[in-house]
Amino acid sequence: MIHLAGPYLLAAVLAGLGTFGVLARRNAVLVLIGVELILNAVTVLLVTVSAAQGDQWAAGTVLTLFVITIAAAEVCVALAVVLAVFRARGDIDLAAPASETAETAETAETAGTAESVPR
């Protein structure tokens, strides 16, 4: 039987870092990394509980595979959304309102076309 303090401590540290990453960061990619850390904490916790209890239905293992599948799908969809936002706005700063970045992009675009017209 394994000693449970180490895996529980690891899961707590991963969950804490992930929560900090989600709440304190403005960059969308860093927020996604925070979500992945939280999902990894859940995975460590499920494997630890499954190994400690030794349940006959292997629910911890099945749920761990489910969490890994959901995490992979979440990363694919979230990165596609981040890429679309970056193409539309020019940055992925979550704190900047969309209207502000659209106005700055529009004025830069207008200034660029005015300078490129030959006289």
C-alpha atoms as a PDB file:
ATOM      1  CA  MET A   1       0.000   0.000   0.000  1.00  0.00           C
ATOM      2  CA  ILE A   2       1.278   3.448  -0.855  1.00  0.00           C
ATOM      3  CA  HIS A   3       1.663   6.360   1.505  1.00  0.00           C
ATOM      4  CA  LEU A   4      -1.054   8.857   0.493  1.00  0.00           C
ATOM      5  CA  ALA A   5       0.476  12.122   1.708  1.00  0.00           C
ATOM      6  CA  GLY A   6       2.729  12.589  -1.345  1.00  0.00           C
ATOM      7  CA  PRO A   7       0.091  12.180  -4.091  1.00  0.00           C
ATOM      8  CA  TYR A   8      -2.458  14.215  -2.137  1.00  0.00           C
ATOM      9  CA  LEU A   9       0.096  16.987  -1.679  1.00  0.00           C
ATOM     10  CA  LEU A  10       0.966  16.875  -5.391  1.00  0.00           C
ATOM     11  CA  ALA A  11      -2.717  17.086  -6.338  1.00  0.00           C
ATOM     12  CA  ALA A  12      -3.214  20.035  -3.973  1.00  0.00           C
ATOM     13  CA  VAL A  13      -0.193  21.885  -5.393  1.00  0.00           C
ATOM     14  CA  LEU A  14      -1.322  21.270  -8.982  1.00  0.00           C
ATOM     15  CA  ALA A  15      -4.857  22.427  -8.196  1.00  0.00           C
ATOM     16  CA  GLY A  16      -3.572  25.541  -6.433  1.00  0.00           C
ATOM     17  CA  LEU A  17      -1.234  26.481  -9.276  1.00  0.00           C
ATOM     18  CA  GLY A  18      -3.975  25.842 -11.811  1.00  0.00           C
ATOM     19  CA  THR A  19      -6.472  27.976  -9.932  1.00  0.00           C
ATOM     20  CA  PHE A  20      -3.930  30.783  -9.665  1.00  0.00           C
ATOM     21  CA  GLY A  21      -3.243  30.479 -13.391  1.00  0.00           C
ATOM     22  CA  VAL A  22      -6.916  30.736 -14.271  1.00  0.00           C
ATOM     23  CA  LEU A  23      -7.685  33.643 -11.939  1.00  0.00           C
ATOM     24  CA  ALA A  24      -4.548  35.780 -12.208  1.00  0.00           C
ATOM     25  CA  ARG A  25      -3.542  35.559 -15.867  1.00  0.00           C
ATOM     26  CA  ARG A  26      -4.794  37.679 -18.746  1.00  0.00           C
ATOM     27  CA  ASN A  27      -3.249  35.658 -21.550  1.00  0.00           C
ATOM     28  CA  ALA A  28      -5.626  33.038 -22.947  1.00  0.00           C
ATOM     29  CA  VAL A  29      -2.909  30.434 -23.435  1.00  0.00           C
ATOM     30  CA  LEU A  30      -1.810  30.733 -19.800  1.00  0.00           C
ATOM     31  CA  VAL A  31      -5.425  30.344 -18.693  1.00  0.00           C
ATOM     32  CA  LEU A  32      -5.594  27.126 -20.729  1.00  0.00           C
ATOM     33  CA  ILE A  33      -2.428  25.902 -19.023  1.00  0.00           C
ATOM     34  CA  GLY A  34      -4.102  26.610 -15.664  1.00  0.00           C
ATOM     35  CA  VAL A  35      -7.126  24.550 -16.659  1.00  0.00           C
ATOM     36  CA  GLU A  36      -4.846  21.707 -17.721  1.00  0.00           C
ATOM     37  CA  LEU A  37      -3.088  21.825 -14.347  1.00  0.00           C
ATOM     38  CA  ILE A  38      -6.451  21.507 -12.599  1.00  0.00           C
ATOM     39  CA  LEU A  39      -7.359  18.525 -14.789  1.00  0.00           C
ATOM     40  CA  ASN A  40      -3.990  16.918 -14.010  1.00  0.00           C
ATOM     41  CA  ALA A  41      -4.667  17.395 -10.293  1.00  0.00           C
ATOM     42  CA  VAL A  42      -7.961  15.570 -10.708  1.00  0.00           C
ATOM     43  CA  THR A  43      -6.201  12.774 -12.569  1.00  0.00           C
ATOM     44  CA  VAL A  44      -3.569  12.377  -9.832  1.00  0.00           C
ATOM     45  CA  LEU A  45      -6.298  12.353  -7.191  1.00  0.00           C
ATOM     46  CA  LEU A  46      -8.351   9.715  -9.038  1.00  0.00           C
ATOM     47  CA  VAL A  47      -5.354   7.434  -9.506  1.00  0.00           C
ATOM     48  CA  THR A  48      -4.346   7.846  -5.841  1.00  0.00           C
ATOM     49  CA  VAL A  49      -7.793   7.031  -4.534  1.00  0.00           C
ATOM     50  CA  SER A  50      -8.096   4.074  -6.905  1.00  0.00           C
ATOM     51  CA  ALA A  51      -4.717   2.675  -5.832  1.00  0.00           C
ATOM     52  CA  ALA A  52      -5.418   3.187  -2.128  1.00  0.00           C
ATOM     53  CA  GLN A  53      -8.860   1.599  -2.078  1.00  0.00           C
ATOM     54  CA  GLY A  54      -8.274  -1.137  -4.647  1.00  0.00           C
ATOM     55  CA  ASP A  55     -11.867  -1.139  -5.831  1.00  0.00           C
ATOM     56  CA  GLN A  56     -12.902  -4.122  -7.932  1.00  0.00           C
ATOM     57  CA  TRP A  57     -14.635  -2.091 -10.659  1.00  0.00           C
ATOM     58  CA  ALA A  58     -11.546   0.063 -11.403  1.00  0.00           C
ATOM     59  CA  ALA A  59     -13.646   3.225 -11.384  1.00  0.00           C
ATOM     60  CA  GLY A  60     -10.606   5.415 -10.735  1.00  0.00           C
ATOM     61  CA  THR A  61      -8.856   4.115 -13.842  1.00  0.00           C
ATOM     62  CA  VAL A  62     -11.901   4.539 -16.045  1.00  0.00           C
ATOM     63  CA  LEU A  63     -12.565   8.041 -14.751  1.00  0.00           C
ATOM     64  CA  THR A  64      -8.898   8.916 -15.284  1.00  0.00           C
ATOM     65  CA  LEU A  65      -9.120   7.889 -18.927  1.00  0.00           C
ATOM     66  CA  PHE A  66     -12.305   9.922 -19.216  1.00  0.00           C
ATOM     67  CA  VAL A  67     -10.591  13.015 -17.765  1.00  0.00           C
ATOM     68  CA  ILE A  68      -7.647  12.593 -20.152  1.00  0.00           C
ATOM     69  CA  THR A  69     -10.031  12.365 -23.125  1.00  0.00           C
ATOM     70  CA  ILE A  70     -11.965  15.441 -22.022  1.00  0.00           C
ATOM     71  CA  ALA A  71      -8.704  17.354 -21.482  1.00  0.00           C
ATOM     72  CA  ALA A  72      -7.499  16.527 -24.991  1.00  0.00           C
ATOM     73  CA  ALA A  73     -10.792  17.641 -26.537  1.00  0.00           C
ATOM     74  CA  GLU A  74     -10.783  20.819 -24.433  1.00  0.00           C
ATOM     75  CA  VAL A  75      -7.291  21.734 -25.589  1.00  0.00           C
ATOM     76  CA  CYS A  76      -8.196  21.259 -29.262  1.00  0.00           C
ATOM     77  CA  VAL A  77     -11.339  23.377 -29.067  1.00  0.00           C
ATOM     78  CA  ALA A  78      -9.811  26.062 -26.844  1.00  0.00           C
ATOM     79  CA  LEU A  79      -6.719  26.488 -29.006  1.00  0.00           C
ATOM     80  CA  ALA A  80      -8.921  26.794 -32.093  1.00  0.00           C
ATOM     81  CA  VAL A  81     -10.900  29.549 -30.351  1.00  0.00           C
ATOM     82  CA  VAL A  82      -7.692  31.302 -29.245  1.00  0.00           C
ATOM     83  CA  LEU A  83      -6.360  31.172 -32.807  1.00  0.00           C
ATOM     84  CA  ALA A  84      -9.613  32.608 -34.171  1.00  0.00           C
ATOM     85  CA  VAL A  85      -9.566  35.424 -31.588  1.00  0.00           C
ATOM     86  CA  PHE A  86      -5.936  36.187 -32.392  1.00  0.00           C
ATOM     87  CA  ARG A  87      -6.705  36.401 -36.096  1.00  0.00           C
ATOM     88  CA  ALA A  88      -9.675  38.684 -35.464  1.00  0.00           C
ATOM     89  CA  ARG A  89      -8.204  40.985 -32.793  1.00  0.00           C
ATOM     90  CA  GLY A  90      -4.447  40.738 -33.191  1.00  0.00           C
ATOM     91  CA  ASP A  91      -3.835  39.724 -29.562  1.00  0.00           C
ATOM     92  CA  ILE A  92      -5.142  37.243 -27.029  1.00  0.00           C
ATOM     93  CA  ASP A  93      -5.324  39.526 -24.010  1.00  0.00           C
ATOM     94  CA  LEU A  94      -8.465  38.554 -22.103  1.00  0.00           C
ATOM     95  CA  ALA A  95      -8.625  41.817 -20.154  1.00  0.00           C
ATOM     96  CA  ALA A  96      -8.922  44.071 -23.216  1.00  0.00           C
ATOM     97  CA  PRO A  97     -12.479  44.547 -24.461  1.00  0.00           C
ATOM     98  CA  ALA A  98     -13.152  43.407 -28.008  1.00  0.00           C
ATOM     99  CA  SER A  99     -14.453  46.818 -29.104  1.00  0.00           C
ATOM    100  CA  GLU A 100     -11.249  48.560 -27.987  1.00  0.00           C
ATOM    101  CA  THR A 101      -8.992  46.210 -29.906  1.00  0.00           C
ATOM    102  CA  ALA A 102     -11.261  46.359 -32.958  1.00  0.00           C
ATOM    103  CA  GLU A 103     -11.074  50.172 -32.949  1.00  0.00           C
ATOM    104  CA  THR A 104      -7.282  50.189 -32.689  1.00  0.00           C
ATOM    105  CA  ALA A 105      -6.990  47.633 -35.473  1.00  0.00           C
ATOM    106  CA  GLU A 106      -9.385  49.666 -37.615  1.00  0.00           C
ATOM    107  CA  THR A 107      -7.466  52.915 -37.105  1.00  0.00           C
ATOM    108  CA  ALA A 108      -4.162  51.172 -37.825  1.00  0.00           C
ATOM    109  CA  GLU A 109      -5.654  49.686 -40.960  1.00  0.00           C
ATOM    110  CA  THR A 110      -6.975  53.074 -42.087  1.00  0.00           C
ATOM    111  CA  ALA A 111      -3.619  54.744 -41.387  1.00  0.00           C
ATOM    112  CA  GLY A 112      -1.816  52.011 -43.285  1.00  0.00           C
ATOM    113  CA  THR A 113      -3.952  52.406 -46.408  1.00  0.00           C
ATOM    114  CA  ALA A 114      -3.652  56.205 -46.329  1.00  0.00           C
ATOM    115  CA  GLU A 115       0.146  55.967 -46.266  1.00  0.00           C
ATOM    116  CA  SER A 116       0.354  53.355 -48.977  1.00  0.00           C
ATOM    117  CA  VAL A 117      -1.504  55.470 -51.577  1.00  0.00           C
ATOM    118  CA  PRO A 118       1.056  56.949 -54.004  1.00  0.00           C
ATOM    119  CA  ARG A 119       0.923  60.713 -54.576  1.00  0.00           C
END
